[in-house]
Amino acid sequence: AIAFKDLLAAAAAGIYLIFLQPYTI
């Protein structure tokens, strides 16, 4: 619950960054 809280938060943020692309490579 503690460890995967950050992991799930990172995944949710990653989905946002990949689809909306506020920055790119």
PDBML (XML) file of the C-alpha atoms, coordinates in Angstrom:
<?xml version="1.0" encoding="UTF-8" ?>
<PDBx:datablock datablockName="MODEL"
   xmlns:PDBx="http://pdbml.pdb.org/schema/pdbx-v50.xsd"
   xmlns:xsi="http://www.w3.org/2001/XMLSchema-instance"
   xsi:schemaLocation="http://pdbml.pdb.org/schema/pdbx-v50.xsd pdbx-v50.xsd">
   <PDBx:atom_siteCategory>
      <PDBx:atom_site id="1">
         <PDBx:B_iso_or_equiv>0.00</PDBx:B_iso_or_equiv>
         <PDBx:Cartn_x>0.000</PDBx:Cartn_x>
         <PDBx:Cartn_y>0.000</PDBx:Cartn_y>
         <PDBx:Cartn_z>0.000</PDBx:Cartn_z>
         <PDBx:auth_asym_id>A</PDBx:auth_asym_id>
         <PDBx:auth_atom_id>CA</PDBx:auth_atom_id>
         <PDBx:auth_comp_id>ALA</PDBx:auth_comp_id>
         <PDBx:auth_seq_id>1</PDBx:auth_seq_id>
         <PDBx:group_PDB>ATOM</PDBx:group_PDB>
         <PDBx:label_alt_id xsi:nil="true" />
         <PDBx:label_asym_id>A</PDBx:label_asym_id>
         <PDBx:label_atom_id>CA</PDBx:label_atom_id>
         <PDBx:label_comp_id>ALA</PDBx:label_comp_id>
         <PDBx:label_entity_id>1</PDBx:label_entity_id>
         <PDBx:label_seq_id>1</PDBx:label_seq_id>
         <PDBx:occupancy>1.00</PDBx:occupancy>
         <PDBx:pdbx_PDB_model_num>1</PDBx:pdbx_PDB_model_num>
         <PDBx:type_symbol>C</PDBx:type_symbol>
      </PDBx:atom_site>
      <PDBx:atom_site id="2">
         <PDBx:B_iso_or_equiv>0.00</PDBx:B_iso_or_equiv>
         <PDBx:Cartn_x>2.885</PDBx:Cartn_x>
         <PDBx:Cartn_y>2.352</PDBx:Cartn_y>
         <PDBx:Cartn_z>0.782</PDBx:Cartn_z>
         <PDBx:auth_asym_id>A</PDBx:auth_asym_id>
         <PDBx:auth_atom_id>CA</PDBx:auth_atom_id>
         <PDBx:auth_comp_id>ILE</PDBx:auth_comp_id>
         <PDBx:auth_seq_id>2</PDBx:auth_seq_id>
         <PDBx:group_PDB>ATOM</PDBx:group_PDB>
         <PDBx:label_alt_id xsi:nil="true" />
         <PDBx:label_asym_id>A</PDBx:label_asym_id>
         <PDBx:label_atom_id>CA</PDBx:label_atom_id>
         <PDBx:label_comp_id>ILE</PDBx:label_comp_id>
         <PDBx:label_entity_id>1</PDBx:label_entity_id>
         <PDBx:label_seq_id>2</PDBx:label_seq_id>
         <PDBx:occupancy>1.00</PDBx:occupancy>
         <PDBx:pdbx_PDB_model_num>1</PDBx:pdbx_PDB_model_num>
         <PDBx:type_symbol>C</PDBx:type_symbol>
      </PDBx:atom_site>
      <PDBx:atom_site id="3">
         <PDBx:B_iso_or_equiv>0.00</PDBx:B_iso_or_equiv>
         <PDBx:Cartn_x>5.228</PDBx:Cartn_x>
         <PDBx:Cartn_y>1.383</PDBx:Cartn_y>
         <PDBx:Cartn_z>-2.049</PDBx:Cartn_z>
         <PDBx:auth_asym_id>A</PDBx:auth_asym_id>
         <PDBx:auth_atom_id>CA</PDBx:auth_atom_id>
         <PDBx:auth_comp_id>ALA</PDBx:auth_comp_id>
         <PDBx:auth_seq_id>3</PDBx:auth_seq_id>
         <PDBx:group_PDB>ATOM</PDBx:group_PDB>
         <PDBx:label_alt_id xsi:nil="true" />
         <PDBx:label_asym_id>A</PDBx:label_asym_id>
         <PDBx:label_atom_id>CA</PDBx:label_atom_id>
         <PDBx:label_comp_id>ALA</PDBx:label_comp_id>
         <PDBx:label_entity_id>1</PDBx:label_entity_id>
         <PDBx:label_seq_id>3</PDBx:label_seq_id>
         <PDBx:occupancy>1.00</PDBx:occupancy>
         <PDBx:pdbx_PDB_model_num>1</PDBx:pdbx_PDB_model_num>
         <PDBx:type_symbol>C</PDBx:type_symbol>
      </PDBx:atom_site>
      <PDBx:atom_site id="4">
         <PDBx:B_iso_or_equiv>0.00</PDBx:B_iso_or_equiv>
         <PDBx:Cartn_x>2.703</PDBx:Cartn_x>
         <PDBx:Cartn_y>1.047</PDBx:Cartn_y>
         <PDBx:Cartn_z>-4.828</PDBx:Cartn_z>
         <PDBx:auth_asym_id>A</PDBx:auth_asym_id>
         <PDBx:auth_atom_id>CA</PDBx:auth_atom_id>
         <PDBx:auth_comp_id>PHE</PDBx:auth_comp_id>
         <PDBx:auth_seq_id>4</PDBx:auth_seq_id>
         <PDBx:group_PDB>ATOM</PDBx:group_PDB>
         <PDBx:label_alt_id xsi:nil="true" />
         <PDBx:label_asym_id>A</PDBx:label_asym_id>
         <PDBx:label_atom_id>CA</PDBx:label_atom_id>
         <PDBx:label_comp_id>PHE</PDBx:label_comp_id>
         <PDBx:label_entity_id>1</PDBx:label_entity_id>
         <PDBx:label_seq_id>4</PDBx:label_seq_id>
         <PDBx:occupancy>1.00</PDBx:occupancy>
         <PDBx:pdbx_PDB_model_num>1</PDBx:pdbx_PDB_model_num>
         <PDBx:type_symbol>C</PDBx:type_symbol>
      </PDBx:atom_site>
      <PDBx:atom_site id="5">
         <PDBx:B_iso_or_equiv>0.00</PDBx:B_iso_or_equiv>
         <PDBx:Cartn_x>1.033</PDBx:Cartn_x>
         <PDBx:Cartn_y>4.305</PDBx:Cartn_y>
         <PDBx:Cartn_z>-3.905</PDBx:Cartn_z>
         <PDBx:auth_asym_id>A</PDBx:auth_asym_id>
         <PDBx:auth_atom_id>CA</PDBx:auth_atom_id>
         <PDBx:auth_comp_id>LYS</PDBx:auth_comp_id>
         <PDBx:auth_seq_id>5</PDBx:auth_seq_id>
         <PDBx:group_PDB>ATOM</PDBx:group_PDB>
         <PDBx:label_alt_id xsi:nil="true" />
         <PDBx:label_asym_id>A</PDBx:label_asym_id>
         <PDBx:label_atom_id>CA</PDBx:label_atom_id>
         <PDBx:label_comp_id>LYS</PDBx:label_comp_id>
         <PDBx:label_entity_id>1</PDBx:label_entity_id>
         <PDBx:label_seq_id>5</PDBx:label_seq_id>
         <PDBx:occupancy>1.00</PDBx:occupancy>
         <PDBx:pdbx_PDB_model_num>1</PDBx:pdbx_PDB_model_num>
         <PDBx:type_symbol>C</PDBx:type_symbol>
      </PDBx:atom_site>
      <PDBx:atom_site id="6">
         <PDBx:B_iso_or_equiv>0.00</PDBx:B_iso_or_equiv>
         <PDBx:Cartn_x>3.969</PDBx:Cartn_x>
         <PDBx:Cartn_y>6.100</PDBx:Cartn_y>
         <PDBx:Cartn_z>-5.520</PDBx:Cartn_z>
         <PDBx:auth_asym_id>A</PDBx:auth_asym_id>
         <PDBx:auth_atom_id>CA</PDBx:auth_atom_id>
         <PDBx:auth_comp_id>ASP</PDBx:auth_comp_id>
         <PDBx:auth_seq_id>6</PDBx:auth_seq_id>
         <PDBx:group_PDB>ATOM</PDBx:group_PDB>
         <PDBx:label_alt_id xsi:nil="true" />
         <PDBx:label_asym_id>A</PDBx:label_asym_id>
         <PDBx:label_atom_id>CA</PDBx:label_atom_id>
         <PDBx:label_comp_id>ASP</PDBx:label_comp_id>
         <PDBx:label_entity_id>1</PDBx:label_entity_id>
         <PDBx:label_seq_id>6</PDBx:label_seq_id>
         <PDBx:occupancy>1.00</PDBx:occupancy>
         <PDBx:pdbx_PDB_model_num>1</PDBx:pdbx_PDB_model_num>
         <PDBx:type_symbol>C</PDBx:type_symbol>
      </PDBx:atom_site>
      <PDBx:atom_site id="7">
         <PDBx:B_iso_or_equiv>0.00</PDBx:B_iso_or_equiv>
         <PDBx:Cartn_x>4.128</PDBx:Cartn_x>
         <PDBx:Cartn_y>3.516</PDBx:Cartn_y>
         <PDBx:Cartn_z>-8.311</PDBx:Cartn_z>
         <PDBx:auth_asym_id>A</PDBx:auth_asym_id>
         <PDBx:auth_atom_id>CA</PDBx:auth_atom_id>
         <PDBx:auth_comp_id>LEU</PDBx:auth_comp_id>
         <PDBx:auth_seq_id>7</PDBx:auth_seq_id>
         <PDBx:group_PDB>ATOM</PDBx:group_PDB>
         <PDBx:label_alt_id xsi:nil="true" />
         <PDBx:label_asym_id>A</PDBx:label_asym_id>
         <PDBx:label_atom_id>CA</PDBx:label_atom_id>
         <PDBx:label_comp_id>LEU</PDBx:label_comp_id>
         <PDBx:label_entity_id>1</PDBx:label_entity_id>
         <PDBx:label_seq_id>7</PDBx:label_seq_id>
         <PDBx:occupancy>1.00</PDBx:occupancy>
         <PDBx:pdbx_PDB_model_num>1</PDBx:pdbx_PDB_model_num>
         <PDBx:type_symbol>C</PDBx:type_symbol>
      </PDBx:atom_site>
      <PDBx:atom_site id="8">
         <PDBx:B_iso_or_equiv>0.00</PDBx:B_iso_or_equiv>
         <PDBx:Cartn_x>0.463</PDBx:Cartn_x>
         <PDBx:Cartn_y>3.983</PDBx:Cartn_y>
         <PDBx:Cartn_z>-9.200</PDBx:Cartn_z>
         <PDBx:auth_asym_id>A</PDBx:auth_asym_id>
         <PDBx:auth_atom_id>CA</PDBx:auth_atom_id>
         <PDBx:auth_comp_id>LEU</PDBx:auth_comp_id>
         <PDBx:auth_seq_id>8</PDBx:auth_seq_id>
         <PDBx:group_PDB>ATOM</PDBx:group_PDB>
         <PDBx:label_alt_id xsi:nil="true" />
         <PDBx:label_asym_id>A</PDBx:label_asym_id>
         <PDBx:label_atom_id>CA</PDBx:label_atom_id>
         <PDBx:label_comp_id>LEU</PDBx:label_comp_id>
         <PDBx:label_entity_id>1</PDBx:label_entity_id>
         <PDBx:label_seq_id>8</PDBx:label_seq_id>
         <PDBx:occupancy>1.00</PDBx:occupancy>
         <PDBx:pdbx_PDB_model_num>1</PDBx:pdbx_PDB_model_num>
         <PDBx:type_symbol>C</PDBx:type_symbol>
      </PDBx:atom_site>
      <PDBx:atom_site id="9">
         <PDBx:B_iso_or_equiv>0.00</PDBx:B_iso_or_equiv>
         <PDBx:Cartn_x>0.835</PDBx:Cartn_x>
         <PDBx:Cartn_y>7.742</PDBx:Cartn_y>
         <PDBx:Cartn_z>-8.918</PDBx:Cartn_z>
         <PDBx:auth_asym_id>A</PDBx:auth_asym_id>
         <PDBx:auth_atom_id>CA</PDBx:auth_atom_id>
         <PDBx:auth_comp_id>ALA</PDBx:auth_comp_id>
         <PDBx:auth_seq_id>9</PDBx:auth_seq_id>
         <PDBx:group_PDB>ATOM</PDBx:group_PDB>
         <PDBx:label_alt_id xsi:nil="true" />
         <PDBx:label_asym_id>A</PDBx:label_asym_id>
         <PDBx:label_atom_id>CA</PDBx:label_atom_id>
         <PDBx:label_comp_id>ALA</PDBx:label_comp_id>
         <PDBx:label_entity_id>1</PDBx:label_entity_id>
         <PDBx:label_seq_id>9</PDBx:label_seq_id>
         <PDBx:occupancy>1.00</PDBx:occupancy>
         <PDBx:pdbx_PDB_model_num>1</PDBx:pdbx_PDB_model_num>
         <PDBx:type_symbol>C</PDBx:type_symbol>
      </PDBx:atom_site>
      <PDBx:atom_site id="10">
         <PDBx:B_iso_or_equiv>0.00</PDBx:B_iso_or_equiv>
         <PDBx:Cartn_x>3.813</PDBx:Cartn_x>
         <PDBx:Cartn_y>7.594</PDBx:Cartn_y>
         <PDBx:Cartn_z>-11.283</PDBx:Cartn_z>
         <PDBx:auth_asym_id>A</PDBx:auth_asym_id>
         <PDBx:auth_atom_id>CA</PDBx:auth_atom_id>
         <PDBx:auth_comp_id>ALA</PDBx:auth_comp_id>
         <PDBx:auth_seq_id>10</PDBx:auth_seq_id>
         <PDBx:group_PDB>ATOM</PDBx:group_PDB>
         <PDBx:label_alt_id xsi:nil="true" />
         <PDBx:label_asym_id>A</PDBx:label_asym_id>
         <PDBx:label_atom_id>CA</PDBx:label_atom_id>
         <PDBx:label_comp_id>ALA</PDBx:label_comp_id>
         <PDBx:label_entity_id>1</PDBx:label_entity_id>
         <PDBx:label_seq_id>10</PDBx:label_seq_id>
         <PDBx:occupancy>1.00</PDBx:occupancy>
         <PDBx:pdbx_PDB_model_num>1</PDBx:pdbx_PDB_model_num>
         <PDBx:type_symbol>C</PDBx:type_symbol>
      </PDBx:atom_site>
      <PDBx:atom_site id="11">
         <PDBx:B_iso_or_equiv>0.00</PDBx:B_iso_or_equiv>
         <PDBx:Cartn_x>1.839</PDBx:Cartn_x>
         <PDBx:Cartn_y>5.452</PDBx:Cartn_y>
         <PDBx:Cartn_z>-13.743</PDBx:Cartn_z>
         <PDBx:auth_asym_id>A</PDBx:auth_asym_id>
         <PDBx:auth_atom_id>CA</PDBx:auth_atom_id>
         <PDBx:auth_comp_id>ALA</PDBx:auth_comp_id>
         <PDBx:auth_seq_id>11</PDBx:auth_seq_id>
         <PDBx:group_PDB>ATOM</PDBx:group_PDB>
         <PDBx:label_alt_id xsi:nil="true" />
         <PDBx:label_asym_id>A</PDBx:label_asym_id>
         <PDBx:label_atom_id>CA</PDBx:label_atom_id>
         <PDBx:label_comp_id>ALA</PDBx:label_comp_id>
         <PDBx:label_entity_id>1</PDBx:label_entity_id>
         <PDBx:label_seq_id>11</PDBx:label_seq_id>
         <PDBx:occupancy>1.00</PDBx:occupancy>
         <PDBx:pdbx_PDB_model_num>1</PDBx:pdbx_PDB_model_num>
         <PDBx:type_symbol>C</PDBx:type_symbol>
      </PDBx:atom_site>
      <PDBx:atom_site id="12">
         <PDBx:B_iso_or_equiv>0.00</PDBx:B_iso_or_equiv>
         <PDBx:Cartn_x>-1.148</PDBx:Cartn_x>
         <PDBx:Cartn_y>7.819</PDBx:Cartn_y>
         <PDBx:Cartn_z>-13.678</PDBx:Cartn_z>
         <PDBx:auth_asym_id>A</PDBx:auth_asym_id>
         <PDBx:auth_atom_id>CA</PDBx:auth_atom_id>
         <PDBx:auth_comp_id>ALA</PDBx:auth_comp_id>
         <PDBx:auth_seq_id>12</PDBx:auth_seq_id>
         <PDBx:group_PDB>ATOM</PDBx:group_PDB>
         <PDBx:label_alt_id xsi:nil="true" />
         <PDBx:label_asym_id>A</PDBx:label_asym_id>
         <PDBx:label_atom_id>CA</PDBx:label_atom_id>
         <PDBx:label_comp_id>ALA</PDBx:label_comp_id>
         <PDBx:label_entity_id>1</PDBx:label_entity_id>
         <PDBx:label_seq_id>12</PDBx:label_seq_id>
         <PDBx:occupancy>1.00</PDBx:occupancy>
         <PDBx:pdbx_PDB_model_num>1</PDBx:pdbx_PDB_model_num>
         <PDBx:type_symbol>C</PDBx:type_symbol>
      </PDBx:atom_site>
      <PDBx:atom_site id="13">
         <PDBx:B_iso_or_equiv>0.00</PDBx:B_iso_or_equiv>
         <PDBx:Cartn_x>1.151</PDBx:Cartn_x>
         <PDBx:Cartn_y>10.798</PDBx:Cartn_y>
         <PDBx:Cartn_z>-14.261</PDBx:Cartn_z>
         <PDBx:auth_asym_id>A</PDBx:auth_asym_id>
         <PDBx:auth_atom_id>CA</PDBx:auth_atom_id>
         <PDBx:auth_comp_id>ALA</PDBx:auth_comp_id>
         <PDBx:auth_seq_id>13</PDBx:auth_seq_id>
         <PDBx:group_PDB>ATOM</PDBx:group_PDB>
         <PDBx:label_alt_id xsi:nil="true" />
         <PDBx:label_asym_id>A</PDBx:label_asym_id>
         <PDBx:label_atom_id>CA</PDBx:label_atom_id>
         <PDBx:label_comp_id>ALA</PDBx:label_comp_id>
         <PDBx:label_entity_id>1</PDBx:label_entity_id>
         <PDBx:label_seq_id>13</PDBx:label_seq_id>
         <PDBx:occupancy>1.00</PDBx:occupancy>
         <PDBx:pdbx_PDB_model_num>1</PDBx:pdbx_PDB_model_num>
         <PDBx:type_symbol>C</PDBx:type_symbol>
      </PDBx:atom_site>
      <PDBx:atom_site id="14">
         <PDBx:B_iso_or_equiv>0.00</PDBx:B_iso_or_equiv>
         <PDBx:Cartn_x>2.945</PDBx:Cartn_x>
         <PDBx:Cartn_y>8.861</PDBx:Cartn_y>
         <PDBx:Cartn_z>-17.016</PDBx:Cartn_z>
         <PDBx:auth_asym_id>A</PDBx:auth_asym_id>
         <PDBx:auth_atom_id>CA</PDBx:auth_atom_id>
         <PDBx:auth_comp_id>GLY</PDBx:auth_comp_id>
         <PDBx:auth_seq_id>14</PDBx:auth_seq_id>
         <PDBx:group_PDB>ATOM</PDBx:group_PDB>
         <PDBx:label_alt_id xsi:nil="true" />
         <PDBx:label_asym_id>A</PDBx:label_asym_id>
         <PDBx:label_atom_id>CA</PDBx:label_atom_id>
         <PDBx:label_comp_id>GLY</PDBx:label_comp_id>
         <PDBx:label_entity_id>1</PDBx:label_entity_id>
         <PDBx:label_seq_id>14</PDBx:label_seq_id>
         <PDBx:occupancy>1.00</PDBx:occupancy>
         <PDBx:pdbx_PDB_model_num>1</PDBx:pdbx_PDB_model_num>
         <PDBx:type_symbol>C</PDBx:type_symbol>
      </PDBx:atom_site>
      <PDBx:atom_site id="15">
         <PDBx:B_iso_or_equiv>0.00</PDBx:B_iso_or_equiv>
         <PDBx:Cartn_x>-0.327</PDBx:Cartn_x>
         <PDBx:Cartn_y>8.263</PDBx:Cartn_y>
         <PDBx:Cartn_z>-18.865</PDBx:Cartn_z>
         <PDBx:auth_asym_id>A</PDBx:auth_asym_id>
         <PDBx:auth_atom_id>CA</PDBx:auth_atom_id>
         <PDBx:auth_comp_id>ILE</PDBx:auth_comp_id>
         <PDBx:auth_seq_id>15</PDBx:auth_seq_id>
         <PDBx:group_PDB>ATOM</PDBx:group_PDB>
         <PDBx:label_alt_id xsi:nil="true" />
         <PDBx:label_asym_id>A</PDBx:label_asym_id>
         <PDBx:label_atom_id>CA</PDBx:label_atom_id>
         <PDBx:label_comp_id>ILE</PDBx:label_comp_id>
         <PDBx:label_entity_id>1</PDBx:label_entity_id>
         <PDBx:label_seq_id>15</PDBx:label_seq_id>
         <PDBx:occupancy>1.00</PDBx:occupancy>
         <PDBx:pdbx_PDB_model_num>1</PDBx:pdbx_PDB_model_num>
         <PDBx:type_symbol>C</PDBx:type_symbol>
      </PDBx:atom_site>
      <PDBx:atom_site id="16">
         <PDBx:B_iso_or_equiv>0.00</PDBx:B_iso_or_equiv>
         <PDBx:Cartn_x>-1.041</PDBx:Cartn_x>
         <PDBx:Cartn_y>11.998</PDBx:Cartn_y>
         <PDBx:Cartn_z>-18.736</PDBx:Cartn_z>
         <PDBx:auth_asym_id>A</PDBx:auth_asym_id>
         <PDBx:auth_atom_id>CA</PDBx:auth_atom_id>
         <PDBx:auth_comp_id>TYR</PDBx:auth_comp_id>
         <PDBx:auth_seq_id>16</PDBx:auth_seq_id>
         <PDBx:group_PDB>ATOM</PDBx:group_PDB>
         <PDBx:label_alt_id xsi:nil="true" />
         <PDBx:label_asym_id>A</PDBx:label_asym_id>
         <PDBx:label_atom_id>CA</PDBx:label_atom_id>
         <PDBx:label_comp_id>TYR</PDBx:label_comp_id>
         <PDBx:label_entity_id>1</PDBx:label_entity_id>
         <PDBx:label_seq_id>16</PDBx:label_seq_id>
         <PDBx:occupancy>1.00</PDBx:occupancy>
         <PDBx:pdbx_PDB_model_num>1</PDBx:pdbx_PDB_model_num>
         <PDBx:type_symbol>C</PDBx:type_symbol>
      </PDBx:atom_site>
      <PDBx:atom_site id="17">
         <PDBx:B_iso_or_equiv>0.00</PDBx:B_iso_or_equiv>
         <PDBx:Cartn_x>2.466</PDBx:Cartn_x>
         <PDBx:Cartn_y>12.906</PDBx:Cartn_y>
         <PDBx:Cartn_z>-19.959</PDBx:Cartn_z>
         <PDBx:auth_asym_id>A</PDBx:auth_asym_id>
         <PDBx:auth_atom_id>CA</PDBx:auth_atom_id>
         <PDBx:auth_comp_id>LEU</PDBx:auth_comp_id>
         <PDBx:auth_seq_id>17</PDBx:auth_seq_id>
         <PDBx:group_PDB>ATOM</PDBx:group_PDB>
         <PDBx:label_alt_id xsi:nil="true" />
         <PDBx:label_asym_id>A</PDBx:label_asym_id>
         <PDBx:label_atom_id>CA</PDBx:label_atom_id>
         <PDBx:label_comp_id>LEU</PDBx:label_comp_id>
         <PDBx:label_entity_id>1</PDBx:label_entity_id>
         <PDBx:label_seq_id>17</PDBx:label_seq_id>
         <PDBx:occupancy>1.00</PDBx:occupancy>
         <PDBx:pdbx_PDB_model_num>1</PDBx:pdbx_PDB_model_num>
         <PDBx:type_symbol>C</PDBx:type_symbol>
      </PDBx:atom_site>
      <PDBx:atom_site id="18">
         <PDBx:B_iso_or_equiv>0.00</PDBx:B_iso_or_equiv>
         <PDBx:Cartn_x>2.463</PDBx:Cartn_x>
         <PDBx:Cartn_y>10.339</PDBx:Cartn_y>
         <PDBx:Cartn_z>-22.785</PDBx:Cartn_z>
         <PDBx:auth_asym_id>A</PDBx:auth_asym_id>
         <PDBx:auth_atom_id>CA</PDBx:auth_atom_id>
         <PDBx:auth_comp_id>ILE</PDBx:auth_comp_id>
         <PDBx:auth_seq_id>18</PDBx:auth_seq_id>
         <PDBx:group_PDB>ATOM</PDBx:group_PDB>
         <PDBx:label_alt_id xsi:nil="true" />
         <PDBx:label_asym_id>A</PDBx:label_asym_id>
         <PDBx:label_atom_id>CA</PDBx:label_atom_id>
         <PDBx:label_comp_id>ILE</PDBx:label_comp_id>
         <PDBx:label_entity_id>1</PDBx:label_entity_id>
         <PDBx:label_seq_id>18</PDBx:label_seq_id>
         <PDBx:occupancy>1.00</PDBx:occupancy>
         <PDBx:pdbx_PDB_model_num>1</PDBx:pdbx_PDB_model_num>
         <PDBx:type_symbol>C</PDBx:type_symbol>
      </PDBx:atom_site>
      <PDBx:atom_site id="19">
         <PDBx:B_iso_or_equiv>0.00</PDBx:B_iso_or_equiv>
         <PDBx:Cartn_x>-0.949</PDBx:Cartn_x>
         <PDBx:Cartn_y>11.284</PDBx:Cartn_y>
         <PDBx:Cartn_z>-24.166</PDBx:Cartn_z>
         <PDBx:auth_asym_id>A</PDBx:auth_asym_id>
         <PDBx:auth_atom_id>CA</PDBx:auth_atom_id>
         <PDBx:auth_comp_id>PHE</PDBx:auth_comp_id>
         <PDBx:auth_seq_id>19</PDBx:auth_seq_id>
         <PDBx:group_PDB>ATOM</PDBx:group_PDB>
         <PDBx:label_alt_id xsi:nil="true" />
         <PDBx:label_asym_id>A</PDBx:label_asym_id>
         <PDBx:label_atom_id>CA</PDBx:label_atom_id>
         <PDBx:label_comp_id>PHE</PDBx:label_comp_id>
         <PDBx:label_entity_id>1</PDBx:label_entity_id>
         <PDBx:label_seq_id>19</PDBx:label_seq_id>
         <PDBx:occupancy>1.00</PDBx:occupancy>
         <PDBx:pdbx_PDB_model_num>1</PDBx:pdbx_PDB_model_num>
         <PDBx:type_symbol>C</PDBx:type_symbol>
      </PDBx:atom_site>
      <PDBx:atom_site id="20">
         <PDBx:B_iso_or_equiv>0.00</PDBx:B_iso_or_equiv>
         <PDBx:Cartn_x>-0.918</PDBx:Cartn_x>
         <PDBx:Cartn_y>15.068</PDBx:Cartn_y>
         <PDBx:Cartn_z>-23.662</PDBx:Cartn_z>
         <PDBx:auth_asym_id>A</PDBx:auth_asym_id>
         <PDBx:auth_atom_id>CA</PDBx:auth_atom_id>
         <PDBx:auth_comp_id>LEU</PDBx:auth_comp_id>
         <PDBx:auth_seq_id>20</PDBx:auth_seq_id>
         <PDBx:group_PDB>ATOM</PDBx:group_PDB>
         <PDBx:label_alt_id xsi:nil="true" />
         <PDBx:label_asym_id>A</PDBx:label_asym_id>
         <PDBx:label_atom_id>CA</PDBx:label_atom_id>
         <PDBx:label_comp_id>LEU</PDBx:label_comp_id>
         <PDBx:label_entity_id>1</PDBx:label_entity_id>
         <PDBx:label_seq_id>20</PDBx:label_seq_id>
         <PDBx:occupancy>1.00</PDBx:occupancy>
         <PDBx:pdbx_PDB_model_num>1</PDBx:pdbx_PDB_model_num>
         <PDBx:type_symbol>C</PDBx:type_symbol>
      </PDBx:atom_site>
      <PDBx:atom_site id="21">
         <PDBx:B_iso_or_equiv>0.00</PDBx:B_iso_or_equiv>
         <PDBx:Cartn_x>2.831</PDBx:Cartn_x>
         <PDBx:Cartn_y>15.475</PDBx:Cartn_y>
         <PDBx:Cartn_z>-24.241</PDBx:Cartn_z>
         <PDBx:auth_asym_id>A</PDBx:auth_asym_id>
         <PDBx:auth_atom_id>CA</PDBx:auth_atom_id>
         <PDBx:auth_comp_id>GLN</PDBx:auth_comp_id>
         <PDBx:auth_seq_id>21</PDBx:auth_seq_id>
         <PDBx:group_PDB>ATOM</PDBx:group_PDB>
         <PDBx:label_alt_id xsi:nil="true" />
         <PDBx:label_asym_id>A</PDBx:label_asym_id>
         <PDBx:label_atom_id>CA</PDBx:label_atom_id>
         <PDBx:label_comp_id>GLN</PDBx:label_comp_id>
         <PDBx:label_entity_id>1</PDBx:label_entity_id>
         <PDBx:label_seq_id>21</PDBx:label_seq_id>
         <PDBx:occupancy>1.00</PDBx:occupancy>
         <PDBx:pdbx_PDB_model_num>1</PDBx:pdbx_PDB_model_num>
         <PDBx:type_symbol>C</PDBx:type_symbol>
      </PDBx:atom_site>
      <PDBx:atom_site id="22">
         <PDBx:B_iso_or_equiv>0.00</PDBx:B_iso_or_equiv>
         <PDBx:Cartn_x>3.551</PDBx:Cartn_x>
         <PDBx:Cartn_y>18.755</PDBx:Cartn_y>
         <PDBx:Cartn_z>-22.410</PDBx:Cartn_z>
         <PDBx:auth_asym_id>A</PDBx:auth_asym_id>
         <PDBx:auth_atom_id>CA</PDBx:auth_atom_id>
         <PDBx:auth_comp_id>PRO</PDBx:auth_comp_id>
         <PDBx:auth_seq_id>22</PDBx:auth_seq_id>
         <PDBx:group_PDB>ATOM</PDBx:group_PDB>
         <PDBx:label_alt_id xsi:nil="true" />
         <PDBx:label_asym_id>A</PDBx:label_asym_id>
         <PDBx:label_atom_id>CA</PDBx:label_atom_id>
         <PDBx:label_comp_id>PRO</PDBx:label_comp_id>
         <PDBx:label_entity_id>1</PDBx:label_entity_id>
         <PDBx:label_seq_id>22</PDBx:label_seq_id>
         <PDBx:occupancy>1.00</PDBx:occupancy>
         <PDBx:pdbx_PDB_model_num>1</PDBx:pdbx_PDB_model_num>
         <PDBx:type_symbol>C</PDBx:type_symbol>
      </PDBx:atom_site>
      <PDBx:atom_site id="23">
         <PDBx:B_iso_or_equiv>0.00</PDBx:B_iso_or_equiv>
         <PDBx:Cartn_x>7.140</PDBx:Cartn_x>
         <PDBx:Cartn_y>18.037</PDBx:Cartn_y>
         <PDBx:Cartn_z>-23.444</PDBx:Cartn_z>
         <PDBx:auth_asym_id>A</PDBx:auth_asym_id>
         <PDBx:auth_atom_id>CA</PDBx:auth_atom_id>
         <PDBx:auth_comp_id>TYR</PDBx:auth_comp_id>
         <PDBx:auth_seq_id>23</PDBx:auth_seq_id>
         <PDBx:group_PDB>ATOM</PDBx:group_PDB>
         <PDBx:label_alt_id xsi:nil="true" />
         <PDBx:label_asym_id>A</PDBx:label_asym_id>
         <PDBx:label_atom_id>CA</PDBx:label_atom_id>
         <PDBx:label_comp_id>TYR</PDBx:label_comp_id>
         <PDBx:label_entity_id>1</PDBx:label_entity_id>
         <PDBx:label_seq_id>23</PDBx:label_seq_id>
         <PDBx:occupancy>1.00</PDBx:occupancy>
         <PDBx:pdbx_PDB_model_num>1</PDBx:pdbx_PDB_model_num>
         <PDBx:type_symbol>C</PDBx:type_symbol>
      </PDBx:atom_site>
      <PDBx:atom_site id="24">
         <PDBx:B_iso_or_equiv>0.00</PDBx:B_iso_or_equiv>
         <PDBx:Cartn_x>8.709</PDBx:Cartn_x>
         <PDBx:Cartn_y>15.607</PDBx:Cartn_y>
         <PDBx:Cartn_z>-25.921</PDBx:Cartn_z>
         <PDBx:auth_asym_id>A</PDBx:auth_asym_id>
         <PDBx:auth_atom_id>CA</PDBx:auth_atom_id>
         <PDBx:auth_comp_id>THR</PDBx:auth_comp_id>
         <PDBx:auth_seq_id>24</PDBx:auth_seq_id>
         <PDBx:group_PDB>ATOM</PDBx:group_PDB>
         <PDBx:label_alt_id xsi:nil="true" />
         <PDBx:label_asym_id>A</PDBx:label_asym_id>
         <PDBx:label_atom_id>CA</PDBx:label_atom_id>
         <PDBx:label_comp_id>THR</PDBx:label_comp_id>
         <PDBx:label_entity_id>1</PDBx:label_entity_id>
         <PDBx:label_seq_id>24</PDBx:label_seq_id>
         <PDBx:occupancy>1.00</PDBx:occupancy>
         <PDBx:pdbx_PDB_model_num>1</PDBx:pdbx_PDB_model_num>
         <PDBx:type_symbol>C</PDBx:type_symbol>
      </PDBx:atom_site>
      <PDBx:atom_site id="25">
         <PDBx:B_iso_or_equiv>0.00</PDBx:B_iso_or_equiv>
         <PDBx:Cartn_x>12.087</PDBx:Cartn_x>
         <PDBx:Cartn_y>14.041</PDBx:Cartn_y>
         <PDBx:Cartn_z>-26.586</PDBx:Cartn_z>
         <PDBx:auth_asym_id>A</PDBx:auth_asym_id>
         <PDBx:auth_atom_id>CA</PDBx:auth_atom_id>
         <PDBx:auth_comp_id>ILE</PDBx:auth_comp_id>
         <PDBx:auth_seq_id>25</PDBx:auth_seq_id>
         <PDBx:group_PDB>ATOM</PDBx:group_PDB>
         <PDBx:label_alt_id xsi:nil="true" />
         <PDBx:label_asym_id>A</PDBx:label_asym_id>
         <PDBx:label_atom_id>CA</PDBx:label_atom_id>
         <PDBx:label_comp_id>ILE</PDBx:label_comp_id>
         <PDBx:label_entity_id>1</PDBx:label_entity_id>
         <PDBx:label_seq_id>25</PDBx:label_seq_id>
         <PDBx:occupancy>1.00</PDBx:occupancy>
         <PDBx:pdbx_PDB_model_num>1</PDBx:pdbx_PDB_model_num>
         <PDBx:type_symbol>C</PDBx:type_symbol>
      </PDBx:atom_site>
   </PDBx:atom_siteCategory>
</PDBx:datablock>
